[in-house]
Amino acid sequence: MPLDHILIYVKNLAASEKFYLEALAPIGYKLYLRLDEMKRVGLAAHGVADFWLAEDASKVSAGAHYAFRGQDKSAVDAFHSAAVKAGGEDNGKPGPRAYGPGYYGAFVKDPDGHNVEVAIRDAPPT
């Protein structure tokens, strides 16, 4: 069954919102909803907020990894460039990976150390 949405906890909502809006713009993500009283923002690429940020420093988890599907290699490359420009730390330049047929991905650490990836696959896994 497909996922409906993901929520990650961040230390500084404003900083993370700025980072993710810039980093995920190449794959179509925009601000969908801001819930100031709950310290949350929802981002969407397809009309539904499927990626949420919530401010609560006590719940930030180390070592989390989030992968988004890109449209093509240029979107993966653009994500990496935008994410690094937005203050992310390079954690794997765009390129082929041994994770499956035609896998091409890029990795960046966000302001809280989460490992964020955008990838494409030429063929679905078997």
Protein backbone atom coordinates (compact mmCIF):
# COMPACT_ATOMS: atom_id res chain seq x y z
CA MET A 1 0.00 0.00 0.00
CA PRO A 2 1.44 3.47 -0.88
CA LEU A 3 2.36 5.93 1.84
CA ASP A 4 -0.02 8.82 2.43
CA HIS A 5 2.45 11.21 4.07
CA ILE A 6 5.62 11.47 6.13
CA LEU A 7 6.25 13.84 9.04
CA ILE A 8 9.75 14.62 10.26
CA TYR A 9 10.72 16.53 13.36
CA VAL A 10 13.12 19.45 13.05
CA LYS A 11 14.85 21.78 15.48
CA ASN A 12 14.06 25.03 13.63
CA LEU A 13 10.91 25.03 11.52
CA ALA A 14 11.66 28.26 9.65
CA ALA A 15 15.16 27.11 8.67
CA SER A 16 13.96 23.66 7.62
CA GLU A 17 10.99 25.06 5.70
CA LYS A 18 13.33 27.36 3.75
CA PHE A 19 15.79 24.51 3.08
CA TYR A 20 13.16 22.03 1.87
CA LEU A 21 11.27 24.55 -0.27
CA GLU A 22 14.52 25.38 -2.08
CA ALA A 23 15.91 21.82 -2.18
CA LEU A 24 12.71 20.13 -3.37
CA ALA A 25 11.61 22.83 -5.84
CA PRO A 26 13.30 20.97 -8.73
CA ILE A 27 10.93 18.03 -8.21
CA GLY A 28 7.85 20.22 -7.88
CA TYR A 29 7.40 20.64 -4.11
CA LYS A 30 5.75 23.82 -2.82
CA LEU A 31 4.27 25.03 0.43
CA TYR A 32 0.80 23.55 0.80
CA LEU A 33 -0.24 24.44 4.35
CA ARG A 34 1.27 26.19 7.36
CA LEU A 35 -0.14 25.38 10.81
CA ASP A 36 1.56 27.99 12.99
CA GLU A 37 -0.19 27.00 16.22
CA MET A 38 1.02 23.40 15.77
CA LYS A 39 4.47 24.45 14.47
CA ARG A 40 4.00 22.40 11.28
CA VAL A 41 4.20 22.93 7.55
CA GLY A 42 3.04 20.62 4.79
CA LEU A 43 4.74 20.47 1.40
CA ALA A 44 3.16 19.05 -1.73
CA ALA A 45 4.17 18.25 -5.29
CA HIS A 46 0.93 16.71 -6.51
CA GLY A 47 -1.83 18.67 -4.79
CA VAL A 48 -1.71 16.82 -1.45
CA ALA A 49 0.68 17.53 1.42
CA ASP A 50 2.69 14.33 1.63
CA PHE A 51 5.81 15.71 3.34
CA TRP A 52 5.37 17.45 6.70
CA LEU A 53 7.83 19.25 8.96
CA ALA A 54 7.11 19.69 12.68
CA GLU A 55 9.23 21.64 15.14
CA ASP A 56 10.15 19.65 18.25
CA ALA A 57 13.87 19.43 18.99
CA SER A 58 13.30 16.65 21.53
CA LYS A 59 11.97 14.36 18.78
CA VAL A 60 14.61 14.95 16.06
CA SER A 61 16.00 11.54 15.15
CA ALA A 62 19.58 10.97 14.08
CA GLY A 63 20.31 8.94 10.99
CA ALA A 64 16.91 9.29 9.32
CA HIS A 65 16.83 8.84 5.53
CA TYR A 66 14.13 10.16 3.16
CA ALA A 67 14.11 9.46 -0.58
CA PHE A 68 11.95 11.27 -3.11
CA ARG A 69 11.34 10.15 -6.69
CA GLY A 70 12.70 12.49 -9.36
CA GLN A 71 11.33 12.83 -12.87
CA ASP A 72 14.69 12.34 -14.61
CA LYS A 73 18.44 12.70 -14.12
CA SER A 74 18.32 16.46 -14.57
CA ALA A 75 15.83 16.72 -11.68
CA VAL A 76 18.18 14.67 -9.47
CA ASP A 77 21.09 16.93 -10.46
CA ALA A 78 19.00 20.08 -9.88
CA PHE A 79 17.90 18.82 -6.44
CA HIS A 80 21.51 18.26 -5.37
CA SER A 81 22.61 21.68 -6.59
CA ALA A 82 19.63 23.47 -5.00
CA ALA A 83 19.97 21.59 -1.70
CA VAL A 84 23.68 22.38 -1.36
CA LYS A 85 23.03 26.01 -2.31
CA ALA A 86 20.29 26.12 0.38
CA GLY A 87 22.82 25.07 3.03
CA GLY A 88 22.63 21.29 2.84
CA GLU A 89 25.76 19.18 3.21
CA ASP A 90 26.74 17.03 0.23
CA ASN A 91 26.34 13.38 1.18
CA GLY A 92 26.66 11.82 -2.29
CA LYS A 93 26.94 13.63 -5.59
CA PRO A 94 24.47 12.71 -8.38
CA GLY A 95 25.32 9.47 -10.10
CA PRO A 96 24.49 5.82 -10.68
CA ARG A 97 24.04 3.61 -7.62
CA ALA A 98 24.05 -0.16 -7.23
CA TYR A 99 20.57 -0.15 -5.63
CA GLY A 100 18.75 -1.51 -8.67
CA PRO A 101 18.45 -1.27 -12.46
CA GLY A 102 19.03 2.26 -13.70
CA TYR A 103 19.19 3.72 -10.20
CA TYR A 104 20.53 7.28 -10.24
CA GLY A 105 20.49 9.35 -7.07
CA ALA A 106 21.93 12.21 -5.05
CA PHE A 107 22.16 12.70 -1.29
CA VAL A 108 22.29 15.77 0.95
CA LYS A 109 22.15 16.21 4.73
CA ASP A 110 19.49 18.71 5.82
CA PRO A 111 19.97 21.24 8.68
CA ASP A 112 19.14 18.52 11.25
CA GLY A 113 21.40 15.87 9.73
CA HIS A 114 18.65 13.88 8.00
CA ASN A 115 19.90 12.17 4.84
CA VAL A 116 17.69 13.41 1.99
CA GLU A 117 17.80 11.74 -1.42
CA VAL A 118 16.22 12.24 -4.81
CA ALA A 119 16.47 9.27 -7.16
CA ILE A 120 15.16 7.73 -10.35
CA ARG A 121 14.97 4.13 -11.53
CA ASP A 122 14.87 2.99 -15.15
CA ALA A 123 12.94 -0.13 -14.21
CA PRO A 124 10.80 -1.08 -11.22
CA PRO A 125 12.36 -3.53 -8.76
CA THR A 126 11.41 -7.18 -9.29
